[in-house]
Structure formats: C-alpha cells, structure tokens
Amino acid sequence: MIFEPTPIEGAFVVKPERHEDERGHFARLWCRDEFAAHSIEVEMVQANVSYTRLAGTLRGMHFAWPPSREGKLVRCSRGRIHDVIVDLRPSSPTFLDRFVIVLADRGHAALFVPHGLAHGFQTLEDNCEVTYMMTDRYRPELAAGYAWDDPAFRIHWPLPVSCIAGRDCSYPRFDADAHRRAFSGHAAAAH
C-alpha cells in the first residue's frame, strides 16, 4: 500500500499496490500492520456503504463530537466523487485547513480521515457507491455537521447541487469560538 500524506495532519491518501498477471490484478485495501507502520494505530469496527443515484448530490459536512473516535477510510467503489475534509480539531496545527480529492472506482485510492475532521462529498456521476471503514461505531448523539456551503471552509463544489438531505441543509454555520467551546465541553464531559 502507498500512503501519501495530505496537508492535514493525520490524513492520508491510501493507494493499493496492484499485482498484475494474466488473470487481472490483486491489491490489498486494508492492512492494520501497514497502517501502524505509518503511525495510524486504528482498529476498524464498522463498515458502511452509501449509494447515490444522481450526479451533483451532496452529502456533508459531517463530523462527530468527542468522545467519539470516528475516523474513516473512504473509498469510491462505483463512479466518481469530489471528496472534501476540513480539520475541526481546535488544537491541531492544521485547524480549518481543507483537503479535496477526486476518488474513483478506477484507481481504488482511498482517503483516511482521522477523527475530528468534517467530511463531505459530491457525486460527479450518477449511481455512485462509497464505502467507509470506520474506527468507531456510529453514535447518533455525537453526530453533527456544519453547513456544506459555509464560507469559513472555502469549498468549491464542482457541480450545481442536484440533491441534498434536509438534515444537511439544516446544519448551522461554522463559528470558531462556539466550536472550540463545544469541542472542549464534549471532551470534558467524556472524562
């Protein structure tokens, strides 16, 4: 596996190393030891899949409050997506930095998103499927999000939004001071 660091601390683009022969190819998509060798000590505890019918559909920007340790390994298993992460960890040197990548079924590259980051994507084709391997179980009481079009995140979505869930439209605008207070409050309550 090939690990390419992103500008956001702890986030990596993970590319499989293909082994080809006359039958086709084989590649490893997950290996705990290889992740650990890159200082990513995680255990995958849940796997999810999302299917999206229409190009231009937007999902995000989702994150989980502490004490969740919800990181994810995101891969587009069908189609192409414009995938975006934003660092929401107040103590991170890359706080509020964003990273954008197009993930596609053709390359099998994945994006490792450490806990504490917001994540969202827009489908670039009809009939997209995205798989997530999760480092923590989904906990609805800790699930949150911010407005997908918040100017604080400086995200350029490549297509007009064709479909978005009501929940994603209802997320608040980002306020750095309020976020820091809420993050600290959730972290303190966990101890």
N, C-alpha and C. Protein backbone atom coordinates (compact mmCIF):
# COMPACT_ATOMS: atom_id res chain seq x y z
N MET A 1 0.85 -1.17 0.00
CA MET A 1 0.00 0.00 0.00
C MET A 1 0.90 1.24 0.00
N ILE A 2 0.42 2.26 -0.67
CA ILE A 2 1.17 3.51 -0.76
C ILE A 2 0.41 4.56 0.04
N PHE A 3 1.09 5.20 1.00
CA PHE A 3 0.50 6.21 1.86
C PHE A 3 1.05 7.57 1.47
N GLU A 4 0.17 8.45 1.00
CA GLU A 4 0.57 9.81 0.63
C GLU A 4 -0.03 10.78 1.64
N PRO A 5 0.82 11.48 2.41
CA PRO A 5 0.27 12.42 3.39
C PRO A 5 -0.44 13.57 2.68
N THR A 6 -1.46 14.09 3.31
CA THR A 6 -2.16 15.28 2.82
C THR A 6 -1.66 16.46 3.64
N PRO A 7 -2.06 17.66 3.31
CA PRO A 7 -1.68 18.83 4.12
C PRO A 7 -2.33 18.84 5.51
N ILE A 8 -3.32 17.98 5.73
CA ILE A 8 -3.99 17.93 7.03
C ILE A 8 -3.35 16.84 7.88
N GLU A 9 -2.95 17.23 9.06
CA GLU A 9 -2.25 16.32 9.95
C GLU A 9 -3.06 15.04 10.19
N GLY A 10 -2.42 13.89 9.93
CA GLY A 10 -3.04 12.59 10.18
C GLY A 10 -3.90 12.04 9.06
N ALA A 11 -4.17 12.83 8.03
CA ALA A 11 -4.99 12.38 6.90
C ALA A 11 -4.07 11.92 5.77
N PHE A 12 -4.43 10.80 5.15
CA PHE A 12 -3.61 10.21 4.09
C PHE A 12 -4.47 9.77 2.91
N VAL A 13 -3.91 9.89 1.71
CA VAL A 13 -4.45 9.20 0.56
C VAL A 13 -3.76 7.83 0.56
N VAL A 14 -4.56 6.77 0.48
CA VAL A 14 -4.03 5.42 0.56
C VAL A 14 -4.32 4.73 -0.78
N LYS A 15 -3.24 4.37 -1.46
CA LYS A 15 -3.38 3.74 -2.78
C LYS A 15 -2.92 2.28 -2.71
N PRO A 16 -3.69 1.40 -3.31
CA PRO A 16 -3.27 0.00 -3.32
C PRO A 16 -2.12 -0.21 -4.30
N GLU A 17 -1.25 -1.15 -3.99
CA GLU A 17 -0.22 -1.57 -4.93
C GLU A 17 -0.76 -2.78 -5.66
N ARG A 18 -0.93 -2.61 -6.96
CA ARG A 18 -1.53 -3.68 -7.76
C ARG A 18 -0.48 -4.71 -8.16
N HIS A 19 -0.86 -5.97 -8.05
CA HIS A 19 -0.05 -7.08 -8.53
C HIS A 19 -0.81 -7.69 -9.69
N GLU A 20 -0.23 -7.58 -10.89
CA GLU A 20 -0.94 -7.99 -12.10
C GLU A 20 -0.36 -9.26 -12.70
N ASP A 21 -1.22 -10.03 -13.30
CA ASP A 21 -0.81 -11.19 -14.09
C ASP A 21 -1.85 -11.40 -15.18
N GLU A 22 -1.80 -12.54 -15.84
CA GLU A 22 -2.70 -12.78 -16.97
C GLU A 22 -4.17 -12.82 -16.58
N ARG A 23 -4.48 -13.02 -15.29
CA ARG A 23 -5.87 -13.06 -14.84
C ARG A 23 -6.46 -11.68 -14.62
N GLY A 24 -5.59 -10.71 -14.34
CA GLY A 24 -6.04 -9.36 -13.97
C GLY A 24 -5.12 -8.80 -12.91
N HIS A 25 -5.70 -8.34 -11.80
CA HIS A 25 -4.84 -7.81 -10.74
C HIS A 25 -5.43 -8.12 -9.37
N PHE A 26 -4.57 -7.95 -8.35
CA PHE A 26 -4.91 -8.14 -6.95
C PHE A 26 -4.27 -7.00 -6.19
N ALA A 27 -4.99 -6.48 -5.17
CA ALA A 27 -4.42 -5.40 -4.36
C ALA A 27 -5.01 -5.46 -2.96
N ARG A 28 -4.21 -5.13 -1.99
CA ARG A 28 -4.67 -5.05 -0.61
C ARG A 28 -5.27 -3.67 -0.38
N LEU A 29 -6.46 -3.63 0.24
CA LEU A 29 -7.14 -2.36 0.50
C LEU A 29 -7.05 -1.92 1.96
N TRP A 30 -6.78 -2.86 2.85
CA TRP A 30 -6.65 -2.54 4.28
C TRP A 30 -5.66 -3.51 4.90
N CYS A 31 -4.77 -2.99 5.73
CA CYS A 31 -3.85 -3.82 6.48
C CYS A 31 -3.47 -3.07 7.76
N ARG A 32 -3.88 -3.60 8.90
CA ARG A 32 -3.61 -2.95 10.19
C ARG A 32 -2.12 -2.69 10.37
N ASP A 33 -1.27 -3.67 10.00
CA ASP A 33 0.18 -3.51 10.19
C ASP A 33 0.75 -2.39 9.32
N GLU A 34 0.28 -2.29 8.09
CA GLU A 34 0.78 -1.22 7.21
C GLU A 34 0.31 0.16 7.69
N PHE A 35 -0.91 0.24 8.19
CA PHE A 35 -1.37 1.50 8.76
C PHE A 35 -0.54 1.85 10.00
N ALA A 36 -0.29 0.88 10.86
CA ALA A 36 0.51 1.12 12.07
C ALA A 36 1.93 1.58 11.71
N ALA A 37 2.48 1.04 10.64
CA ALA A 37 3.82 1.44 10.20
C ALA A 37 3.87 2.91 9.79
N HIS A 38 2.70 3.49 9.51
CA HIS A 38 2.60 4.92 9.17
C HIS A 38 2.01 5.73 10.32
N SER A 39 2.14 5.18 11.54
CA SER A 39 1.67 5.83 12.78
C SER A 39 0.17 6.04 12.80
N ILE A 40 -0.56 5.18 12.13
CA ILE A 40 -2.02 5.21 12.16
C ILE A 40 -2.46 3.97 12.91
N GLU A 41 -2.59 4.12 14.22
CA GLU A 41 -2.95 2.99 15.09
C GLU A 41 -4.47 3.00 15.25
N VAL A 42 -5.16 2.29 14.39
CA VAL A 42 -6.62 2.25 14.44
C VAL A 42 -7.10 0.82 14.31
N GLU A 43 -8.29 0.61 14.81
CA GLU A 43 -8.99 -0.65 14.62
C GLU A 43 -10.28 -0.32 13.87
N MET A 44 -10.54 -1.02 12.81
CA MET A 44 -11.78 -0.82 12.08
C MET A 44 -12.88 -1.65 12.74
N VAL A 45 -13.98 -0.99 13.10
CA VAL A 45 -15.04 -1.66 13.86
C VAL A 45 -16.38 -1.71 13.14
N GLN A 46 -16.49 -0.99 12.02
CA GLN A 46 -17.77 -0.95 11.31
C GLN A 46 -17.48 -0.65 9.85
N ALA A 47 -18.28 -1.20 8.96
CA ALA A 47 -18.17 -0.90 7.53
C ALA A 47 -19.54 -0.45 7.03
N ASN A 48 -19.56 0.61 6.23
CA ASN A 48 -20.80 1.19 5.72
C ASN A 48 -20.68 1.39 4.21
N VAL A 49 -21.83 1.50 3.56
CA VAL A 49 -21.85 1.82 2.14
C VAL A 49 -22.97 2.82 1.90
N SER A 50 -22.70 3.79 1.04
CA SER A 50 -23.78 4.70 0.62
C SER A 50 -23.89 4.61 -0.90
N TYR A 51 -25.12 4.63 -1.37
CA TYR A 51 -25.40 4.62 -2.80
C TYR A 51 -26.13 5.91 -3.12
N THR A 52 -25.71 6.59 -4.17
CA THR A 52 -26.31 7.86 -4.55
C THR A 52 -26.69 7.82 -6.02
N ARG A 53 -27.96 8.12 -6.29
CA ARG A 53 -28.50 7.99 -7.65
C ARG A 53 -28.01 9.06 -8.63
N LEU A 54 -28.01 10.33 -8.19
CA LEU A 54 -27.81 11.44 -9.13
C LEU A 54 -26.46 12.14 -8.99
N ALA A 55 -25.86 12.45 -10.13
CA ALA A 55 -24.67 13.30 -10.12
C ALA A 55 -25.06 14.65 -9.53
N GLY A 56 -24.16 15.25 -8.80
CA GLY A 56 -24.43 16.55 -8.17
C GLY A 56 -24.98 16.44 -6.77
N THR A 57 -25.31 15.23 -6.33
CA THR A 57 -25.81 15.05 -4.96
C THR A 57 -24.70 15.36 -3.97
N LEU A 58 -25.06 16.07 -2.92
CA LEU A 58 -24.08 16.45 -1.91
C LEU A 58 -24.43 15.82 -0.57
N ARG A 59 -23.41 15.27 0.09
CA ARG A 59 -23.55 14.72 1.44
C ARG A 59 -22.49 15.38 2.30
N GLY A 60 -22.90 16.03 3.38
CA GLY A 60 -21.91 16.65 4.28
C GLY A 60 -22.37 18.00 4.75
N MET A 61 -21.58 18.63 5.56
CA MET A 61 -20.28 18.28 6.10
C MET A 61 -20.46 17.67 7.50
N HIS A 62 -20.19 16.38 7.63
CA HIS A 62 -20.46 15.62 8.84
C HIS A 62 -19.21 15.45 9.69
N PHE A 63 -19.42 15.40 11.01
CA PHE A 63 -18.34 15.06 11.94
C PHE A 63 -18.98 14.51 13.21
N ALA A 64 -18.15 14.07 14.15
CA ALA A 64 -18.65 13.54 15.43
C ALA A 64 -17.92 14.23 16.57
N TRP A 65 -18.68 14.64 17.58
CA TRP A 65 -18.11 15.26 18.76
C TRP A 65 -17.36 14.23 19.60
N PRO A 66 -16.35 14.67 20.39
CA PRO A 66 -15.76 13.76 21.37
C PRO A 66 -16.84 13.31 22.34
N PRO A 67 -16.75 12.13 22.88
CA PRO A 67 -15.58 11.23 22.91
C PRO A 67 -15.49 10.29 21.71
N SER A 68 -16.29 10.51 20.68
CA SER A 68 -16.19 9.66 19.50
C SER A 68 -14.77 9.68 18.96
N ARG A 69 -14.33 8.53 18.50
CA ARG A 69 -13.03 8.40 17.84
C ARG A 69 -13.27 7.98 16.39
N GLU A 70 -14.37 8.53 15.82
CA GLU A 70 -14.82 8.11 14.50
C GLU A 70 -13.92 8.65 13.39
N GLY A 71 -12.99 7.83 12.98
CA GLY A 71 -12.21 8.08 11.78
C GLY A 71 -12.78 7.19 10.69
N LYS A 72 -12.37 7.42 9.45
CA LYS A 72 -12.90 6.60 8.38
C LYS A 72 -11.91 6.44 7.25
N LEU A 73 -12.01 5.33 6.60
CA LEU A 73 -11.28 5.06 5.37
C LEU A 73 -12.34 5.05 4.27
N VAL A 74 -12.32 6.09 3.43
CA VAL A 74 -13.38 6.33 2.45
C VAL A 74 -12.88 5.93 1.07
N ARG A 75 -13.67 5.13 0.38
CA ARG A 75 -13.30 4.69 -0.96
C ARG A 75 -14.54 4.75 -1.85
N CYS A 76 -14.39 5.25 -3.06
CA CYS A 76 -15.48 5.24 -4.04
C CYS A 76 -15.39 3.92 -4.80
N SER A 77 -16.35 3.04 -4.55
CA SER A 77 -16.31 1.71 -5.16
C SER A 77 -17.08 1.65 -6.48
N ARG A 78 -17.81 2.74 -6.79
CA ARG A 78 -18.53 2.82 -8.08
C ARG A 78 -18.72 4.28 -8.42
N GLY A 79 -18.24 4.70 -9.59
CA GLY A 79 -18.40 6.08 -10.02
C GLY A 79 -17.23 6.96 -9.61
N ARG A 80 -17.53 8.26 -9.41
CA ARG A 80 -16.51 9.25 -9.02
C ARG A 80 -17.14 10.26 -8.08
N ILE A 81 -16.37 10.67 -7.06
CA ILE A 81 -16.85 11.69 -6.12
C ILE A 81 -15.78 12.75 -5.90
N HIS A 82 -16.25 13.94 -5.59
CA HIS A 82 -15.43 15.07 -5.16
C HIS A 82 -15.47 15.03 -3.64
N ASP A 83 -14.40 14.55 -3.01
CA ASP A 83 -14.37 14.28 -1.58
C ASP A 83 -13.62 15.40 -0.86
N VAL A 84 -14.18 15.86 0.26
CA VAL A 84 -13.63 17.02 0.98
C VAL A 84 -13.55 16.72 2.47
N ILE A 85 -12.42 17.10 3.08
CA ILE A 85 -12.29 17.05 4.54
C ILE A 85 -11.84 18.42 5.04
N VAL A 86 -12.29 18.75 6.25
CA VAL A 86 -11.91 20.00 6.91
C VAL A 86 -11.51 19.66 8.34
N ASP A 87 -10.37 20.15 8.78
CA ASP A 87 -9.87 19.87 10.13
C ASP A 87 -10.63 20.72 11.14
N LEU A 88 -11.36 20.07 12.03
CA LEU A 88 -12.14 20.77 13.07
C LEU A 88 -11.55 20.56 14.47
N ARG A 89 -10.33 20.04 14.56
CA ARG A 89 -9.69 19.82 15.85
C ARG A 89 -9.05 21.13 16.30
N PRO A 90 -9.60 21.77 17.34
CA PRO A 90 -9.11 23.10 17.74
C PRO A 90 -7.62 23.16 18.07
N SER A 91 -7.05 22.09 18.57
CA SER A 91 -5.62 22.12 18.93
C SER A 91 -4.71 21.68 17.79
N SER A 92 -5.26 21.36 16.65
CA SER A 92 -4.47 20.90 15.52
C SER A 92 -3.74 22.05 14.83
N PRO A 93 -2.50 21.84 14.40
CA PRO A 93 -1.80 22.87 13.64
C PRO A 93 -2.44 23.13 12.27
N THR A 94 -3.32 22.21 11.83
CA THR A 94 -3.99 22.40 10.54
C THR A 94 -5.48 22.72 10.73
N PHE A 95 -5.84 23.27 11.90
CA PHE A 95 -7.23 23.64 12.19
C PHE A 95 -7.79 24.50 11.07
N LEU A 96 -8.93 24.11 10.54
CA LEU A 96 -9.70 24.74 9.47
C LEU A 96 -9.09 24.57 8.08
N ASP A 97 -7.97 23.85 7.97
CA ASP A 97 -7.46 23.55 6.63
C ASP A 97 -8.39 22.53 5.99
N ARG A 98 -8.42 22.54 4.66
CA ARG A 98 -9.25 21.59 3.94
C ARG A 98 -8.39 20.85 2.93
N PHE A 99 -8.87 19.69 2.54
CA PHE A 99 -8.21 18.89 1.51
C PHE A 99 -9.30 18.33 0.61
N VAL A 100 -9.05 18.35 -0.69
CA VAL A 100 -10.02 17.90 -1.69
C VAL A 100 -9.34 16.88 -2.59
N ILE A 101 -10.07 15.82 -2.89
CA ILE A 101 -9.56 14.80 -3.81
C ILE A 101 -10.74 14.21 -4.58
N VAL A 102 -10.49 13.82 -5.82
CA VAL A 102 -11.49 13.05 -6.56
C VAL A 102 -11.16 11.58 -6.35
N LEU A 103 -12.11 10.85 -5.77
CA LEU A 103 -11.98 9.41 -5.60
C LEU A 103 -12.82 8.73 -6.67
N ALA A 104 -12.25 7.68 -7.27
CA ALA A 104 -12.96 6.99 -8.36
C ALA A 104 -12.76 5.49 -8.26
N ASP A 105 -13.71 4.76 -8.80
CA ASP A 105 -13.62 3.31 -8.77
C ASP A 105 -12.44 2.78 -9.58
N ARG A 106 -11.98 3.53 -10.54
CA ARG A 106 -10.92 3.05 -11.42
C ARG A 106 -9.56 2.91 -10.71
N GLY A 107 -9.26 3.76 -9.76
CA GLY A 107 -7.94 3.69 -9.12
C GLY A 107 -7.94 3.00 -7.77
N HIS A 108 -9.11 2.88 -7.15
CA HIS A 108 -9.26 2.25 -5.84
C HIS A 108 -8.53 3.00 -4.73
N ALA A 109 -8.11 4.25 -4.97
CA ALA A 109 -7.50 5.03 -3.90
C ALA A 109 -8.55 5.34 -2.85
N ALA A 110 -8.08 5.49 -1.62
CA ALA A 110 -8.98 5.81 -0.51
C ALA A 110 -8.42 7.02 0.22
N LEU A 111 -9.27 7.63 1.02
CA LEU A 111 -8.84 8.74 1.87
C LEU A 111 -9.03 8.32 3.31
N PHE A 112 -7.94 8.35 4.09
CA PHE A 112 -8.06 8.08 5.53
C PHE A 112 -8.33 9.41 6.22
N VAL A 113 -9.47 9.48 6.91
CA VAL A 113 -9.93 10.69 7.59
C VAL A 113 -9.84 10.43 9.10
N PRO A 114 -8.88 11.05 9.80
CA PRO A 114 -8.81 10.83 11.24
C PRO A 114 -10.00 11.45 11.97
N HIS A 115 -10.25 11.01 13.20
CA HIS A 115 -11.38 11.57 13.95
C HIS A 115 -11.14 13.06 14.18
N GLY A 116 -12.24 13.80 14.27
CA GLY A 116 -12.16 15.24 14.49
C GLY A 116 -12.23 16.07 13.23
N LEU A 117 -12.38 15.45 12.09
CA LEU A 117 -12.48 16.18 10.82
C LEU A 117 -13.90 16.10 10.30
N ALA A 118 -14.33 17.16 9.61
CA ALA A 118 -15.60 17.13 8.90
C ALA A 118 -15.35 16.49 7.53
N HIS A 119 -16.35 15.76 7.06
CA HIS A 119 -16.23 15.07 5.79
C HIS A 119 -17.51 15.26 4.97
N GLY A 120 -17.33 15.44 3.69
CA GLY A 120 -18.46 15.51 2.79
C GLY A 120 -18.02 15.18 1.37
N PHE A 121 -18.99 14.90 0.52
CA PHE A 121 -18.64 14.66 -0.88
C PHE A 121 -19.80 15.01 -1.78
N GLN A 122 -19.45 15.24 -3.06
CA GLN A 122 -20.44 15.45 -4.10
C GLN A 122 -20.20 14.42 -5.19
N THR A 123 -21.27 13.78 -5.64
CA THR A 123 -21.13 12.78 -6.70
C THR A 123 -20.91 13.48 -8.04
N LEU A 124 -19.99 12.94 -8.81
CA LEU A 124 -19.67 13.50 -10.13
C LEU A 124 -20.31 12.72 -11.26
N GLU A 125 -20.91 11.59 -10.91
CA GLU A 125 -21.60 10.73 -11.88
C GLU A 125 -22.87 10.20 -11.22
N ASP A 126 -23.80 9.74 -12.02
CA ASP A 126 -24.96 9.02 -11.49
C ASP A 126 -24.50 7.68 -10.92
N ASN A 127 -25.28 7.15 -10.00
CA ASN A 127 -25.09 5.80 -9.47
C ASN A 127 -23.73 5.58 -8.83
N CYS A 128 -23.39 6.42 -7.87
CA CYS A 128 -22.12 6.29 -7.15
C CYS A 128 -22.32 5.47 -5.87
N GLU A 129 -21.30 4.72 -5.55
CA GLU A 129 -21.30 3.95 -4.32
C GLU A 129 -20.01 4.27 -3.57
N VAL A 130 -20.14 4.57 -2.28
CA VAL A 130 -19.00 4.92 -1.45
C VAL A 130 -18.99 3.98 -0.25
N THR A 131 -17.83 3.39 0.02
CA THR A 131 -17.70 2.51 1.18
C THR A 131 -16.84 3.20 2.23
N TYR A 132 -17.20 2.97 3.49
CA TYR A 132 -16.49 3.55 4.62
C TYR A 132 -16.12 2.43 5.58
N MET A 133 -14.88 2.34 5.95
CA MET A 133 -14.48 1.51 7.09
C MET A 133 -14.31 2.49 8.24
N MET A 134 -14.92 2.18 9.38
CA MET A 134 -15.00 3.13 10.49
C MET A 134 -14.17 2.66 11.68
N THR A 135 -13.54 3.63 12.37
CA THR A 135 -12.72 3.32 13.54
C THR A 135 -13.52 3.39 14.84
N ASP A 136 -14.78 3.75 14.76
CA ASP A 136 -15.67 3.76 15.92
C ASP A 136 -17.08 3.53 15.40
N ARG A 137 -17.93 3.01 16.24
CA ARG A 137 -19.31 2.79 15.83
C ARG A 137 -20.03 4.15 15.74
N TYR A 138 -21.03 4.19 14.91
CA TYR A 138 -21.84 5.40 14.77
C TYR A 138 -22.61 5.63 16.06
N ARG A 139 -22.53 6.85 16.57
CA ARG A 139 -23.25 7.22 17.79
C ARG A 139 -24.08 8.46 17.47
N PRO A 140 -25.38 8.30 17.25
CA PRO A 140 -26.21 9.42 16.79
C PRO A 140 -26.18 10.62 17.73
N GLU A 141 -26.01 10.39 19.02
CA GLU A 141 -25.98 11.52 19.96
C GLU A 141 -24.73 12.39 19.81
N LEU A 142 -23.70 11.89 19.12
CA LEU A 142 -22.48 12.66 18.90
C LEU A 142 -22.35 13.13 17.45
N ALA A 143 -23.26 12.70 16.59
CA ALA A 143 -23.22 13.08 15.17
C ALA A 143 -23.62 14.54 15.01
N ALA A 144 -22.87 15.26 14.17
CA ALA A 144 -23.13 16.68 13.96
C ALA A 144 -22.68 17.07 12.56
N GLY A 145 -22.82 18.33 12.24
CA GLY A 145 -22.38 18.82 10.95
C GLY A 145 -22.42 20.34 10.90
N TYR A 146 -21.81 20.87 9.87
CA TYR A 146 -21.85 22.30 9.58
C TYR A 146 -22.33 22.48 8.15
N ALA A 147 -22.77 23.68 7.85
CA ALA A 147 -23.32 23.99 6.53
C ALA A 147 -22.31 23.64 5.43
N TRP A 148 -22.81 22.94 4.44
CA TRP A 148 -21.97 22.46 3.33
C TRP A 148 -21.38 23.62 2.51
N ASP A 149 -22.05 24.77 2.56
CA ASP A 149 -21.61 25.93 1.76
C ASP A 149 -21.05 27.04 2.64
N ASP A 150 -20.59 26.69 3.84
CA ASP A 150 -20.08 27.69 4.77
C ASP A 150 -18.84 28.37 4.21
N PRO A 151 -18.82 29.70 4.16
CA PRO A 151 -17.65 30.40 3.61
C PRO A 151 -16.37 30.15 4.42
N ALA A 152 -16.50 29.81 5.69
CA ALA A 152 -15.31 29.55 6.51
C ALA A 152 -14.51 28.36 5.98
N PHE A 153 -15.17 27.44 5.27
CA PHE A 153 -14.49 26.25 4.78
C PHE A 153 -13.90 26.43 3.37
N ARG A 154 -14.34 27.46 2.64
CA ARG A 154 -13.78 27.77 1.32
C ARG A 154 -13.81 26.56 0.37
N ILE A 155 -14.94 25.85 0.36
CA ILE A 155 -15.07 24.68 -0.50
C ILE A 155 -15.74 25.08 -1.81
N HIS A 156 -15.14 24.71 -2.90
CA HIS A 156 -15.75 24.90 -4.22
C HIS A 156 -16.30 23.55 -4.65
N TRP A 157 -17.62 23.42 -4.69
CA TRP A 157 -18.26 22.20 -5.17
C TRP A 157 -18.34 22.30 -6.68
N PRO A 158 -17.92 21.28 -7.42
CA PRO A 158 -17.78 21.41 -8.87
C PRO A 158 -19.08 21.44 -9.67
N LEU A 159 -20.16 20.91 -9.12
CA LEU A 159 -21.43 20.86 -9.85
C LEU A 159 -22.52 21.60 -9.07
N PRO A 160 -23.55 22.06 -9.76
CA PRO A 160 -24.72 22.55 -9.02
C PRO A 160 -25.27 21.40 -8.18
N VAL A 161 -25.77 21.71 -7.00
CA VAL A 161 -26.30 20.68 -6.11
C VAL A 161 -27.65 20.20 -6.65
N SER A 162 -27.72 18.92 -7.02
CA SER A 162 -28.95 18.36 -7.57
C SER A 162 -29.84 17.77 -6.49
N CYS A 163 -29.22 17.34 -5.37
CA CYS A 163 -29.98 16.71 -4.29
C CYS A 163 -29.16 16.83 -3.01
N ILE A 164 -29.85 17.14 -1.92
CA ILE A 164 -29.21 17.21 -0.61
C ILE A 164 -30.27 16.90 0.44
N ALA A 165 -29.89 16.19 1.48
CA ALA A 165 -30.84 15.83 2.53
C ALA A 165 -31.22 17.06 3.35
N GLY A 166 -32.45 17.05 3.85
CA GLY A 166 -32.90 18.15 4.70
C GLY A 166 -32.00 18.35 5.90
N ARG A 167 -31.53 17.25 6.47
CA ARG A 167 -30.62 17.35 7.63
C ARG A 167 -29.36 18.12 7.26
N ASP A 168 -28.79 17.83 6.08
CA ASP A 168 -27.56 18.51 5.68
C ASP A 168 -27.81 19.99 5.40
N CYS A 169 -29.01 20.34 4.97
CA CYS A 169 -29.34 21.75 4.75
C CYS A 169 -29.58 22.50 6.06
N SER A 170 -29.88 21.77 7.12
CA SER A 170 -30.22 22.42 8.39
C SER A 170 -29.02 22.64 9.31
N TYR A 171 -27.86 22.14 8.94
CA TYR A 171 -26.70 22.33 9.80
C TYR A 171 -26.35 23.81 9.92
N PRO A 172 -25.85 24.23 11.09
CA PRO A 172 -25.54 25.65 11.30
C PRO A 172 -24.27 26.09 10.58
N ARG A 173 -24.12 27.39 10.49
CA ARG A 173 -22.88 27.98 10.01
C ARG A 173 -21.80 27.74 11.06
N PHE A 174 -20.56 27.71 10.60
CA PHE A 174 -19.43 27.48 11.50
C PHE A 174 -19.07 28.77 12.22
N ASP A 175 -18.88 28.67 13.53
CA ASP A 175 -18.39 29.77 14.36
C ASP A 175 -17.23 29.19 15.16
N ALA A 176 -16.01 29.67 14.91
CA ALA A 176 -14.81 29.07 15.50
C ALA A 176 -14.84 29.10 17.03
N ASP A 177 -15.24 30.21 17.63
CA ASP A 177 -15.27 30.29 19.09
C ASP A 177 -16.31 29.34 19.68
N ALA A 178 -17.50 29.30 19.09
CA ALA A 178 -18.54 28.39 19.58
C ALA A 178 -18.10 26.93 19.40
N HIS A 179 -17.43 26.64 18.29
CA HIS A 179 -16.95 25.28 18.05
C HIS A 179 -15.92 24.87 19.10
N ARG A 180 -14.98 25.76 19.38
CA ARG A 180 -13.95 25.45 20.39
C ARG A 180 -14.59 25.17 21.75
N ARG A 181 -15.57 26.00 22.13
CA ARG A 181 -16.25 25.80 23.42
C ARG A 181 -16.99 24.47 23.44
N ALA A 182 -17.73 24.17 22.37
CA ALA A 182 -18.49 22.92 22.31
C ALA A 182 -17.55 21.72 22.30
N PHE A 183 -16.47 21.80 21.55
CA PHE A 183 -15.50 20.72 21.49
C PHE A 183 -14.91 20.45 22.88
N SER A 184 -14.51 21.51 23.57
CA SER A 184 -13.96 21.38 24.94
C SER A 184 -15.00 20.80 25.89
N GLY A 185 -16.24 21.26 25.77
CA GLY A 185 -17.30 20.77 26.63
C GLY A 185 -17.56 19.29 26.43
N HIS A 186 -17.60 18.85 25.19
CA HIS A 186 -17.81 17.42 24.90
C HIS A 186 -16.62 16.60 25.40
N ALA A 187 -15.40 17.11 25.18
CA ALA A 187 -14.21 16.38 25.61
C ALA A 187 -14.17 16.27 27.13
N ALA A 188 -14.52 17.36 27.84
CA ALA A 188 -14.51 17.35 29.31
C ALA A 188 -15.59 16.40 29.84
N ALA A 189 -16.75 16.38 29.22
CA ALA A 189 -17.83 15.51 29.67
C ALA A 189 -17.48 14.04 29.51
N ALA A 190 -16.57 13.75 28.59
CA ALA A 190 -16.17 12.37 28.34
C ALA A 190 -15.25 11.83 29.43
N HIS A 191 -14.64 12.74 30.19
CA HIS A 191 -13.68 12.29 31.22
C HIS A 191 -14.30 12.21 32.56
